[in-house]
């Protein structure tokens, strides 16, 4: 049974690697962005509430995100394991997640941090922006996103490290090398 939490800055390759490991372990890759989009598209009660905040350009409140995460983790396909990508984003959410996982009796194996230097992230995201025609991937926007990540999300690394739950992987390698490192973690 595989239950992993993926951390790392935007552009570190979390989504790409989570998909590979999800397929390898036959467990769902649970992305908070995907959950939000699906709940809004399905017009679930929580989805309608989330849509209100999203349309206003606000962050969806933690309580609402937790409700969506709870629903998703309790789905039949997640009972055998999961990979969580994009949540938690801060220490407060990590504390909420601990309580939720304890309540639904789904402890996680470890937290995987994909470590990539900022300059590499900027280059990757600018390249992705050009390839995908994304106008939001300008250097200034990317640097702002990295600053927000460092301020809000990076403290999670220390939080999980202090609890001996963190495994860091050098994400500044080829996709294949990173995938092999992750396979070793999963098979440990």
N, C-alpha and C. Protein backbone atom coordinates (compact mmCIF):
# COMPACT_ATOMS: atom_id res chain seq x y z
N UNK A 1 0.85 -1.18 0.00
CA UNK A 1 0.00 0.00 0.00
C UNK A 1 0.89 1.24 0.00
N UNK A 2 0.68 2.13 -0.95
CA UNK A 2 1.51 3.32 -1.09
C UNK A 2 0.69 4.57 -0.79
N UNK A 3 1.16 5.35 0.16
CA UNK A 3 0.55 6.65 0.45
C UNK A 3 1.68 7.67 0.62
N UNK A 4 1.83 8.54 -0.38
CA UNK A 4 2.91 9.52 -0.38
C UNK A 4 2.37 10.92 -0.54
N UNK A 5 3.07 11.87 0.07
CA UNK A 5 2.78 13.29 -0.12
C UNK A 5 3.96 13.87 -0.89
N UNK A 6 3.67 14.55 -2.01
CA UNK A 6 4.72 15.16 -2.83
C UNK A 6 4.80 16.65 -2.53
N UNK A 7 6.02 17.11 -2.22
CA UNK A 7 6.31 18.53 -2.04
C UNK A 7 7.36 18.95 -3.06
N UNK A 8 7.41 20.24 -3.29
CA UNK A 8 8.43 20.80 -4.18
C UNK A 8 7.90 22.06 -4.80
N UNK A 9 8.78 22.93 -5.23
CA UNK A 9 8.35 24.19 -5.82
C UNK A 9 7.63 23.98 -7.15
N UNK A 10 6.90 25.01 -7.61
CA UNK A 10 6.27 24.89 -8.93
C UNK A 10 7.34 24.60 -9.97
N UNK A 11 7.08 23.64 -10.86
CA UNK A 11 8.05 23.32 -11.90
C UNK A 11 9.08 22.28 -11.50
N UNK A 12 8.96 21.73 -10.28
CA UNK A 12 9.93 20.73 -9.81
C UNK A 12 9.70 19.37 -10.45
N UNK A 13 8.52 19.18 -11.04
CA UNK A 13 8.22 17.89 -11.67
C UNK A 13 7.31 17.00 -10.84
N UNK A 14 6.65 17.58 -9.83
CA UNK A 14 5.78 16.79 -8.95
C UNK A 14 4.68 16.07 -9.74
N UNK A 15 4.00 16.79 -10.61
CA UNK A 15 2.91 16.19 -11.37
C UNK A 15 3.39 15.07 -12.28
N UNK A 16 4.48 15.30 -12.97
CA UNK A 16 5.06 14.29 -13.87
C UNK A 16 5.45 13.04 -13.10
N UNK A 17 6.17 13.23 -12.00
CA UNK A 17 6.65 12.09 -11.22
C UNK A 17 5.50 11.39 -10.51
N UNK A 18 4.54 12.15 -10.00
CA UNK A 18 3.40 11.54 -9.31
C UNK A 18 2.62 10.65 -10.28
N UNK A 19 2.51 11.07 -11.54
CA UNK A 19 1.80 10.24 -12.53
C UNK A 19 2.53 8.91 -12.75
N UNK A 20 3.85 8.96 -12.90
CA UNK A 20 4.63 7.74 -13.09
C UNK A 20 4.46 6.78 -11.91
N UNK A 21 4.63 7.32 -10.71
CA UNK A 21 4.56 6.47 -9.51
C UNK A 21 3.13 5.99 -9.28
N UNK A 22 2.16 6.83 -9.59
CA UNK A 22 0.75 6.44 -9.49
C UNK A 22 0.47 5.24 -10.38
N UNK A 23 0.94 5.30 -11.62
CA UNK A 23 0.76 4.19 -12.57
C UNK A 23 1.51 2.94 -12.08
N UNK A 24 2.75 3.14 -11.62
CA UNK A 24 3.57 2.03 -11.16
C UNK A 24 2.90 1.29 -9.99
N UNK A 25 2.32 2.05 -9.06
CA UNK A 25 1.75 1.46 -7.84
C UNK A 25 0.25 1.21 -7.94
N UNK A 26 -0.36 1.60 -9.06
CA UNK A 26 -1.81 1.46 -9.27
C UNK A 26 -2.61 2.13 -8.17
N UNK A 27 -2.22 3.36 -7.84
CA UNK A 27 -2.96 4.17 -6.87
C UNK A 27 -3.25 5.52 -7.52
N UNK A 28 -4.33 6.20 -7.09
CA UNK A 28 -4.64 7.48 -7.72
C UNK A 28 -3.65 8.59 -7.37
N UNK A 29 -3.39 9.43 -8.36
CA UNK A 29 -2.61 10.66 -8.18
C UNK A 29 -3.64 11.74 -7.85
N UNK A 30 -3.61 12.22 -6.62
CA UNK A 30 -4.61 13.17 -6.17
C UNK A 30 -3.99 14.56 -6.12
N UNK A 31 -4.42 15.39 -7.05
CA UNK A 31 -3.94 16.77 -7.13
C UNK A 31 -5.07 17.68 -6.65
N UNK A 32 -4.76 18.60 -5.75
CA UNK A 32 -5.82 19.49 -5.26
C UNK A 32 -6.41 20.32 -6.39
N UNK A 33 -5.59 20.70 -7.35
CA UNK A 33 -6.11 21.45 -8.50
C UNK A 33 -7.14 20.63 -9.27
N UNK A 34 -6.82 19.35 -9.50
CA UNK A 34 -7.75 18.46 -10.20
C UNK A 34 -9.03 18.26 -9.40
N UNK A 35 -8.89 18.10 -8.07
CA UNK A 35 -10.06 17.91 -7.21
C UNK A 35 -10.98 19.12 -7.31
N UNK A 36 -10.39 20.30 -7.22
CA UNK A 36 -11.19 21.54 -7.30
C UNK A 36 -11.90 21.64 -8.64
N UNK A 37 -11.17 21.42 -9.72
CA UNK A 37 -11.78 21.52 -11.05
C UNK A 37 -12.90 20.50 -11.23
N UNK A 38 -12.70 19.27 -10.74
CA UNK A 38 -13.72 18.22 -10.88
C UNK A 38 -14.95 18.55 -10.04
N UNK A 39 -14.74 19.03 -8.80
CA UNK A 39 -15.87 19.36 -7.93
C UNK A 39 -16.69 20.50 -8.52
N UNK A 40 -16.01 21.48 -9.11
CA UNK A 40 -16.72 22.60 -9.75
C UNK A 40 -17.47 22.09 -10.98
N UNK A 41 -16.81 21.28 -11.80
CA UNK A 41 -17.45 20.75 -13.01
C UNK A 41 -18.67 19.89 -12.67
N UNK A 42 -18.56 19.10 -11.59
CA UNK A 42 -19.66 18.22 -11.19
C UNK A 42 -20.73 18.97 -10.40
N UNK A 43 -20.43 20.22 -10.06
CA UNK A 43 -21.36 21.07 -9.29
C UNK A 43 -21.80 20.40 -7.98
N UNK A 44 -20.81 19.74 -7.30
CA UNK A 44 -21.10 19.18 -5.98
C UNK A 44 -21.31 20.35 -5.02
N UNK A 45 -21.83 20.06 -3.84
CA UNK A 45 -22.06 21.13 -2.87
C UNK A 45 -20.76 21.87 -2.55
N UNK A 46 -19.68 21.09 -2.29
CA UNK A 46 -18.39 21.72 -2.01
C UNK A 46 -17.83 22.41 -3.25
N UNK A 47 -18.09 21.82 -4.42
CA UNK A 47 -17.63 22.41 -5.68
C UNK A 47 -18.25 23.78 -5.92
N UNK A 48 -19.53 23.93 -5.63
CA UNK A 48 -20.21 25.22 -5.81
C UNK A 48 -19.61 26.27 -4.87
N UNK A 49 -19.31 25.86 -3.63
CA UNK A 49 -18.70 26.80 -2.68
C UNK A 49 -17.30 27.20 -3.16
N UNK A 50 -16.53 26.21 -3.63
CA UNK A 50 -15.18 26.49 -4.11
C UNK A 50 -15.22 27.43 -5.31
N UNK A 51 -16.18 27.21 -6.20
CA UNK A 51 -16.31 28.02 -7.41
C UNK A 51 -16.51 29.49 -7.06
N UNK A 52 -17.28 29.74 -6.01
CA UNK A 52 -17.54 31.12 -5.57
C UNK A 52 -16.22 31.83 -5.27
N UNK A 53 -15.34 31.17 -4.51
CA UNK A 53 -14.04 31.76 -4.17
C UNK A 53 -13.14 31.89 -5.39
N UNK A 54 -13.13 30.86 -6.22
CA UNK A 54 -12.27 30.87 -7.40
C UNK A 54 -12.68 31.99 -8.36
N UNK A 55 -13.99 32.17 -8.56
CA UNK A 55 -14.46 33.22 -9.46
C UNK A 55 -14.14 34.61 -8.93
N UNK A 56 -14.05 34.72 -7.61
CA UNK A 56 -13.72 36.01 -7.00
C UNK A 56 -12.21 36.24 -6.97
N UNK A 57 -11.44 35.23 -7.42
CA UNK A 57 -9.99 35.35 -7.44
C UNK A 57 -9.36 35.11 -6.08
N UNK A 58 -10.14 34.57 -5.13
CA UNK A 58 -9.63 34.31 -3.79
C UNK A 58 -9.11 32.89 -3.68
N UNK A 59 -8.28 32.66 -2.67
CA UNK A 59 -7.86 31.30 -2.35
C UNK A 59 -9.04 30.56 -1.73
N UNK A 60 -9.19 29.32 -2.08
CA UNK A 60 -10.25 28.50 -1.49
C UNK A 60 -9.84 28.23 -0.04
N UNK A 61 -10.73 28.51 0.93
CA UNK A 61 -10.38 28.33 2.34
C UNK A 61 -9.97 26.90 2.69
N UNK A 62 -9.09 26.78 3.69
CA UNK A 62 -8.59 25.48 4.12
C UNK A 62 -9.70 24.49 4.44
N UNK A 63 -10.75 24.96 5.16
CA UNK A 63 -11.82 24.05 5.57
C UNK A 63 -12.47 23.40 4.35
N UNK A 64 -12.64 24.19 3.30
CA UNK A 64 -13.27 23.69 2.08
C UNK A 64 -12.35 22.70 1.36
N UNK A 65 -11.07 23.05 1.28
CA UNK A 65 -10.09 22.15 0.66
C UNK A 65 -10.06 20.83 1.44
N UNK A 66 -10.07 20.92 2.77
CA UNK A 66 -10.04 19.70 3.59
C UNK A 66 -11.26 18.84 3.35
N UNK A 67 -12.42 19.48 3.18
CA UNK A 67 -13.64 18.72 2.88
C UNK A 67 -13.50 17.97 1.57
N UNK A 68 -12.94 18.65 0.57
CA UNK A 68 -12.74 18.01 -0.74
C UNK A 68 -11.72 16.88 -0.65
N UNK A 69 -10.64 17.11 0.10
CA UNK A 69 -9.61 16.07 0.27
C UNK A 69 -10.22 14.86 0.99
N UNK A 70 -11.00 15.13 2.04
CA UNK A 70 -11.65 14.04 2.79
C UNK A 70 -12.50 13.19 1.84
N UNK A 71 -13.36 13.87 1.04
CA UNK A 71 -14.21 13.16 0.08
C UNK A 71 -13.37 12.29 -0.85
N UNK A 72 -12.28 12.89 -1.36
CA UNK A 72 -11.46 12.18 -2.36
C UNK A 72 -10.74 10.98 -1.74
N UNK A 73 -10.19 11.15 -0.54
CA UNK A 73 -9.45 10.07 0.09
C UNK A 73 -10.36 8.93 0.53
N UNK A 74 -11.64 9.22 0.70
CA UNK A 74 -12.58 8.18 1.12
C UNK A 74 -13.21 7.45 -0.07
N UNK A 75 -12.89 7.90 -1.28
CA UNK A 75 -13.39 7.22 -2.49
C UNK A 75 -12.79 5.81 -2.56
N UNK A 76 -13.53 4.89 -3.17
CA UNK A 76 -13.10 3.49 -3.23
C UNK A 76 -11.70 3.31 -3.81
N UNK A 77 -11.37 4.06 -4.88
CA UNK A 77 -10.07 3.85 -5.53
C UNK A 77 -8.89 4.31 -4.67
N UNK A 78 -9.16 5.09 -3.62
CA UNK A 78 -8.08 5.60 -2.77
C UNK A 78 -7.84 4.73 -1.54
N UNK A 79 -8.69 3.75 -1.33
CA UNK A 79 -8.55 2.91 -0.13
C UNK A 79 -7.25 2.11 -0.13
N UNK A 80 -6.76 1.75 -1.32
CA UNK A 80 -5.53 0.95 -1.42
C UNK A 80 -4.28 1.82 -1.47
N UNK A 81 -4.43 3.14 -1.43
CA UNK A 81 -3.28 4.03 -1.45
C UNK A 81 -3.53 5.24 -2.32
N UNK A 82 -2.59 6.20 -2.27
CA UNK A 82 -2.72 7.44 -3.03
C UNK A 82 -1.40 8.21 -3.02
N UNK A 83 -1.31 9.15 -3.96
CA UNK A 83 -0.22 10.12 -3.99
C UNK A 83 -0.86 11.49 -3.92
N UNK A 84 -0.50 12.26 -2.93
CA UNK A 84 -1.10 13.59 -2.74
C UNK A 84 -0.14 14.64 -3.27
N UNK A 85 -0.60 15.45 -4.19
CA UNK A 85 0.23 16.45 -4.88
C UNK A 85 -0.46 17.81 -4.76
N UNK A 86 0.22 18.77 -4.13
CA UNK A 86 -0.34 20.12 -4.02
C UNK A 86 -1.04 20.36 -2.70
N UNK A 87 -0.96 19.41 -1.80
CA UNK A 87 -1.55 19.56 -0.48
C UNK A 87 -0.79 18.66 0.46
N UNK A 88 -0.42 19.11 1.63
CA UNK A 88 -0.67 20.43 2.20
C UNK A 88 0.27 21.49 1.62
N UNK A 89 -0.16 22.75 1.75
CA UNK A 89 0.64 23.88 1.26
C UNK A 89 1.28 24.67 2.40
N UNK A 90 0.87 24.40 3.63
CA UNK A 90 1.46 25.08 4.77
C UNK A 90 1.35 24.18 6.00
N UNK A 91 2.02 24.58 7.09
CA UNK A 91 2.07 23.74 8.29
C UNK A 91 0.68 23.56 8.88
N UNK A 92 -0.14 24.60 8.84
CA UNK A 92 -1.50 24.49 9.38
C UNK A 92 -2.30 23.41 8.63
N UNK A 93 -2.18 23.40 7.29
CA UNK A 93 -2.86 22.37 6.50
C UNK A 93 -2.29 20.98 6.82
N UNK A 94 -0.99 20.91 7.08
CA UNK A 94 -0.37 19.62 7.42
C UNK A 94 -0.94 19.08 8.73
N UNK A 95 -1.17 19.98 9.67
CA UNK A 95 -1.76 19.58 10.95
C UNK A 95 -3.19 19.08 10.74
N UNK A 96 -3.96 19.80 9.90
CA UNK A 96 -5.32 19.36 9.56
C UNK A 96 -5.27 17.99 8.89
N UNK A 97 -4.31 17.82 7.96
CA UNK A 97 -4.20 16.57 7.22
C UNK A 97 -3.88 15.41 8.17
N UNK A 98 -2.97 15.64 9.13
CA UNK A 98 -2.66 14.60 10.12
C UNK A 98 -3.92 14.14 10.83
N UNK A 99 -4.74 15.11 11.26
CA UNK A 99 -5.98 14.77 11.98
C UNK A 99 -6.93 13.99 11.07
N UNK A 100 -7.05 14.43 9.81
CA UNK A 100 -7.94 13.76 8.86
C UNK A 100 -7.48 12.32 8.61
N UNK A 101 -6.19 12.14 8.35
CA UNK A 101 -5.66 10.81 8.05
C UNK A 101 -5.81 9.87 9.26
N UNK A 102 -5.67 10.43 10.44
CA UNK A 102 -5.87 9.64 11.66
C UNK A 102 -7.34 9.23 11.77
N UNK A 103 -8.23 10.19 11.49
CA UNK A 103 -9.67 9.93 11.57
C UNK A 103 -10.11 8.85 10.59
N UNK A 104 -9.59 8.89 9.36
CA UNK A 104 -10.02 7.91 8.35
C UNK A 104 -9.07 6.70 8.29
N UNK A 105 -8.13 6.65 9.22
CA UNK A 105 -7.19 5.53 9.37
C UNK A 105 -6.42 5.24 8.08
N UNK A 106 -5.81 6.32 7.55
CA UNK A 106 -4.98 6.19 6.35
C UNK A 106 -3.64 6.90 6.58
N UNK A 107 -2.75 6.35 7.39
CA UNK A 107 -1.46 7.00 7.61
C UNK A 107 -0.63 7.01 6.33
N UNK A 108 0.18 8.05 6.14
CA UNK A 108 1.02 8.12 4.94
C UNK A 108 2.38 7.49 5.22
N UNK A 109 3.05 7.06 4.14
CA UNK A 109 4.37 6.42 4.25
C UNK A 109 5.46 7.45 4.50
N UNK A 110 5.52 8.47 3.65
CA UNK A 110 6.51 9.52 3.81
C UNK A 110 6.15 10.70 2.92
N UNK A 111 6.90 11.77 3.12
CA UNK A 111 6.75 12.98 2.32
C UNK A 111 7.97 13.06 1.42
N UNK A 112 7.73 13.17 0.12
CA UNK A 112 8.82 13.25 -0.85
C UNK A 112 8.97 14.70 -1.29
N UNK A 113 10.16 15.23 -1.06
CA UNK A 113 10.45 16.60 -1.47
C UNK A 113 11.35 16.58 -2.70
N UNK A 114 10.83 17.11 -3.81
CA UNK A 114 11.65 17.23 -5.02
C UNK A 114 12.40 18.56 -4.92
N UNK A 115 13.69 18.48 -4.74
CA UNK A 115 14.52 19.64 -4.51
C UNK A 115 15.14 20.10 -5.83
N UNK A 116 14.82 21.33 -6.25
CA UNK A 116 15.34 21.88 -7.51
C UNK A 116 15.72 23.35 -7.27
N UNK A 117 16.92 23.76 -7.69
CA UNK A 117 17.34 25.16 -7.51
C UNK A 117 16.42 26.13 -8.27
N UNK A 118 16.25 27.33 -7.71
CA UNK A 118 15.36 28.33 -8.30
C UNK A 118 15.68 28.64 -9.76
N UNK A 119 16.97 28.77 -10.09
CA UNK A 119 17.33 29.13 -11.46
C UNK A 119 16.89 28.05 -12.46
N UNK A 120 16.97 26.80 -12.04
CA UNK A 120 16.52 25.69 -12.90
C UNK A 120 15.00 25.75 -13.06
N UNK A 121 14.30 26.04 -11.96
CA UNK A 121 12.83 26.15 -11.99
C UNK A 121 12.42 27.25 -12.98
N UNK A 122 13.05 28.41 -12.86
CA UNK A 122 12.72 29.54 -13.75
C UNK A 122 12.92 29.13 -15.20
N UNK A 123 14.05 28.52 -15.51
CA UNK A 123 14.33 28.10 -16.90
C UNK A 123 13.30 27.08 -17.37
N UNK A 124 12.97 26.10 -16.52
CA UNK A 124 11.98 25.07 -16.89
C UNK A 124 10.62 25.68 -17.18
N UNK A 125 10.17 26.57 -16.29
CA UNK A 125 8.82 27.13 -16.45
C UNK A 125 8.73 28.10 -17.62
N UNK A 126 9.80 28.82 -17.89
CA UNK A 126 9.81 29.69 -19.08
C UNK A 126 9.73 28.83 -20.33
N UNK A 127 10.50 27.74 -20.35
CA UNK A 127 10.46 26.81 -21.49
C UNK A 127 9.05 26.22 -21.64
N UNK A 128 8.45 25.78 -20.53
CA UNK A 128 7.10 25.21 -20.58
C UNK A 128 6.10 26.25 -21.10
N UNK A 129 6.28 27.48 -20.65
CA UNK A 129 5.39 28.56 -21.10
C UNK A 129 5.46 28.75 -22.60
N UNK A 130 6.68 28.70 -23.15
CA UNK A 130 6.84 28.82 -24.60
C UNK A 130 6.21 27.64 -25.33
N UNK A 131 6.46 26.43 -24.81
CA UNK A 131 5.95 25.22 -25.46
C UNK A 131 4.43 25.13 -25.41
N UNK A 132 3.84 25.58 -24.31
CA UNK A 132 2.39 25.44 -24.13
C UNK A 132 1.63 26.73 -24.39
N UNK A 133 2.34 27.78 -24.79
CA UNK A 133 1.69 29.05 -25.06
C UNK A 133 1.05 29.66 -23.82
N UNK A 134 1.69 29.46 -22.68
CA UNK A 134 1.15 29.98 -21.41
C UNK A 134 1.73 31.35 -21.14
N UNK A 135 0.87 32.35 -21.14
CA UNK A 135 1.34 33.72 -20.94
C UNK A 135 1.63 34.02 -19.47
N UNK A 136 1.17 33.14 -18.55
CA UNK A 136 1.40 33.40 -17.13
C UNK A 136 2.78 32.93 -16.66
N UNK A 137 3.53 32.28 -17.54
CA UNK A 137 4.86 31.80 -17.16
C UNK A 137 5.95 32.79 -17.58
N UNK A 138 5.82 34.05 -17.14
CA UNK A 138 6.88 35.03 -17.36
C UNK A 138 7.87 34.90 -16.21
N UNK A 139 9.09 35.40 -16.42
CA UNK A 139 10.09 35.28 -15.36
C UNK A 139 9.63 35.97 -14.07
N UNK A 140 9.03 37.15 -14.19
CA UNK A 140 8.57 37.87 -12.99
C UNK A 140 7.50 37.08 -12.24
N UNK A 141 6.55 36.52 -12.98
CA UNK A 141 5.47 35.72 -12.36
C UNK A 141 6.05 34.48 -11.70
N UNK A 142 6.97 33.82 -12.37
CA UNK A 142 7.58 32.61 -11.83
C UNK A 142 8.33 32.93 -10.54
N UNK A 143 9.09 34.02 -10.55
CA UNK A 143 9.86 34.39 -9.35
C UNK A 143 8.92 34.74 -8.19
N UNK A 144 7.78 35.36 -8.48
CA UNK A 144 6.79 35.66 -7.44
C UNK A 144 6.23 34.36 -6.87
N UNK A 145 5.88 33.42 -7.76
CA UNK A 145 5.36 32.12 -7.30
C UNK A 145 6.38 31.39 -6.43
N UNK A 146 7.66 31.47 -6.81
CA UNK A 146 8.71 30.83 -6.01
C UNK A 146 8.85 31.50 -4.65
N UNK A 147 8.73 32.83 -4.62
CA UNK A 147 8.83 33.55 -3.35
C UNK A 147 7.68 33.15 -2.43
N UNK A 148 6.47 33.06 -2.97
CA UNK A 148 5.31 32.63 -2.19
C UNK A 148 5.53 31.21 -1.68
N UNK A 149 6.04 30.34 -2.55
CA UNK A 149 6.32 28.96 -2.16
C UNK A 149 7.32 28.94 -0.99
N UNK A 150 8.41 29.68 -1.13
CA UNK A 150 9.45 29.69 -0.10
C UNK A 150 8.88 30.19 1.24
N UNK A 151 8.02 31.19 1.19
CA UNK A 151 7.47 31.76 2.43
C UNK A 151 6.43 30.85 3.07
N UNK A 152 5.55 30.28 2.27
CA UNK A 152 4.40 29.56 2.82
C UNK A 152 4.59 28.04 2.90
N UNK A 153 5.18 27.47 1.86
CA UNK A 153 5.23 26.01 1.77
C UNK A 153 6.54 25.43 2.27
N UNK A 154 7.63 26.13 2.06
CA UNK A 154 8.92 25.57 2.45
C UNK A 154 9.01 25.21 3.95
N UNK A 155 8.34 25.94 4.86
CA UNK A 155 8.38 25.51 6.27
C UNK A 155 7.88 24.08 6.49
N UNK A 156 7.09 23.56 5.54
CA UNK A 156 6.64 22.16 5.63
C UNK A 156 7.82 21.20 5.59
N UNK A 157 8.85 21.56 4.85
CA UNK A 157 10.02 20.69 4.74
C UNK A 157 10.63 20.49 6.13
N UNK A 158 10.80 21.60 6.86
CA UNK A 158 11.34 21.50 8.23
C UNK A 158 10.36 20.75 9.14
N UNK A 159 9.07 21.00 8.98
CA UNK A 159 8.03 20.35 9.78
C UNK A 159 8.13 18.83 9.64
N UNK A 160 8.17 18.34 8.40
CA UNK A 160 8.22 16.90 8.18
C UNK A 160 9.61 16.32 8.49
N UNK A 161 10.67 17.09 8.22
CA UNK A 161 12.03 16.62 8.53
C UNK A 161 12.18 16.41 10.04
N UNK A 162 11.64 17.34 10.83
CA UNK A 162 11.76 17.23 12.29
C UNK A 162 11.03 16.01 12.83
N UNK A 163 10.08 15.51 12.06
CA UNK A 163 9.32 14.31 12.46
C UNK A 163 9.85 13.04 11.78
N UNK A 164 10.99 13.15 11.12
CA UNK A 164 11.61 12.03 10.39
C UNK A 164 10.65 11.42 9.36
N UNK A 165 9.88 12.27 8.69
CA UNK A 165 8.93 11.78 7.68
C UNK A 165 9.29 12.27 6.28
N UNK A 166 10.41 12.98 6.15
CA UNK A 166 10.77 13.60 4.87
C UNK A 166 11.89 12.83 4.18
N UNK A 167 11.71 12.63 2.86
CA UNK A 167 12.75 12.08 2.01
C UNK A 167 12.95 13.09 0.88
N UNK A 168 14.16 13.65 0.77
CA UNK A 168 14.44 14.60 -0.30
C UNK A 168 15.08 13.89 -1.48
N UNK A 169 14.65 14.29 -2.68
CA UNK A 169 15.17 13.73 -3.92
C UNK A 169 15.67 14.90 -4.76
N UNK A 170 16.85 14.76 -5.33
CA UNK A 170 17.40 15.79 -6.22
C UNK A 170 16.58 15.80 -7.51
N UNK A 171 15.73 16.80 -7.65
CA UNK A 171 14.88 16.90 -8.84
C UNK A 171 15.57 17.54 -10.02
N UNK A 172 16.83 17.93 -9.85
CA UNK A 172 17.59 18.57 -10.93
C UNK A 172 18.39 17.51 -11.69
N UNK A 173 17.68 16.45 -12.10
CA UNK A 173 18.26 15.36 -12.88
C UNK A 173 17.26 15.03 -13.98
N UNK A 174 17.62 14.09 -14.83
CA UNK A 174 16.67 13.71 -15.88
C UNK A 174 15.42 13.10 -15.23
N UNK A 175 14.32 13.15 -15.95
CA UNK A 175 13.06 12.58 -15.47
C UNK A 175 13.27 11.12 -15.08
N UNK A 176 14.02 10.38 -15.90
CA UNK A 176 14.23 8.95 -15.66
C UNK A 176 15.01 8.69 -14.38
N UNK A 177 16.03 9.51 -14.11
CA UNK A 177 16.85 9.34 -12.90
C UNK A 177 16.00 9.64 -11.66
N UNK A 178 15.19 10.69 -11.72
CA UNK A 178 14.32 11.04 -10.60
C UNK A 178 13.30 9.93 -10.37
N UNK A 179 12.73 9.41 -11.46
CA UNK A 179 11.75 8.31 -11.34
C UNK A 179 12.38 7.09 -10.67
N UNK A 180 13.62 6.75 -11.05
CA UNK A 180 14.31 5.60 -10.43
C UNK A 180 14.51 5.83 -8.94
N UNK A 181 14.87 7.06 -8.55
CA UNK A 181 15.05 7.37 -7.12
C UNK A 181 13.73 7.20 -6.37
N UNK A 182 12.63 7.63 -7.01
CA UNK A 182 11.31 7.51 -6.38
C UNK A 182 10.88 6.05 -6.28
N UNK A 183 11.20 5.26 -7.30
CA UNK A 183 10.87 3.82 -7.26
C UNK A 183 11.52 3.16 -6.06
N UNK A 184 12.79 3.54 -5.77
CA UNK A 184 13.51 2.96 -4.64
C UNK A 184 12.81 3.32 -3.33
N UNK A 185 12.29 4.54 -3.23
CA UNK A 185 11.57 4.96 -2.02
C UNK A 185 10.30 4.14 -1.85
N UNK A 186 9.56 3.97 -2.95
CA UNK A 186 8.30 3.24 -2.90
C UNK A 186 8.53 1.77 -2.56
N UNK A 187 9.61 1.21 -3.06
CA UNK A 187 9.88 -0.22 -2.87
C UNK A 187 10.62 -0.51 -1.57
N UNK A 188 10.99 0.54 -0.85
CA UNK A 188 11.74 0.36 0.43
C UNK A 188 10.86 -0.23 1.50
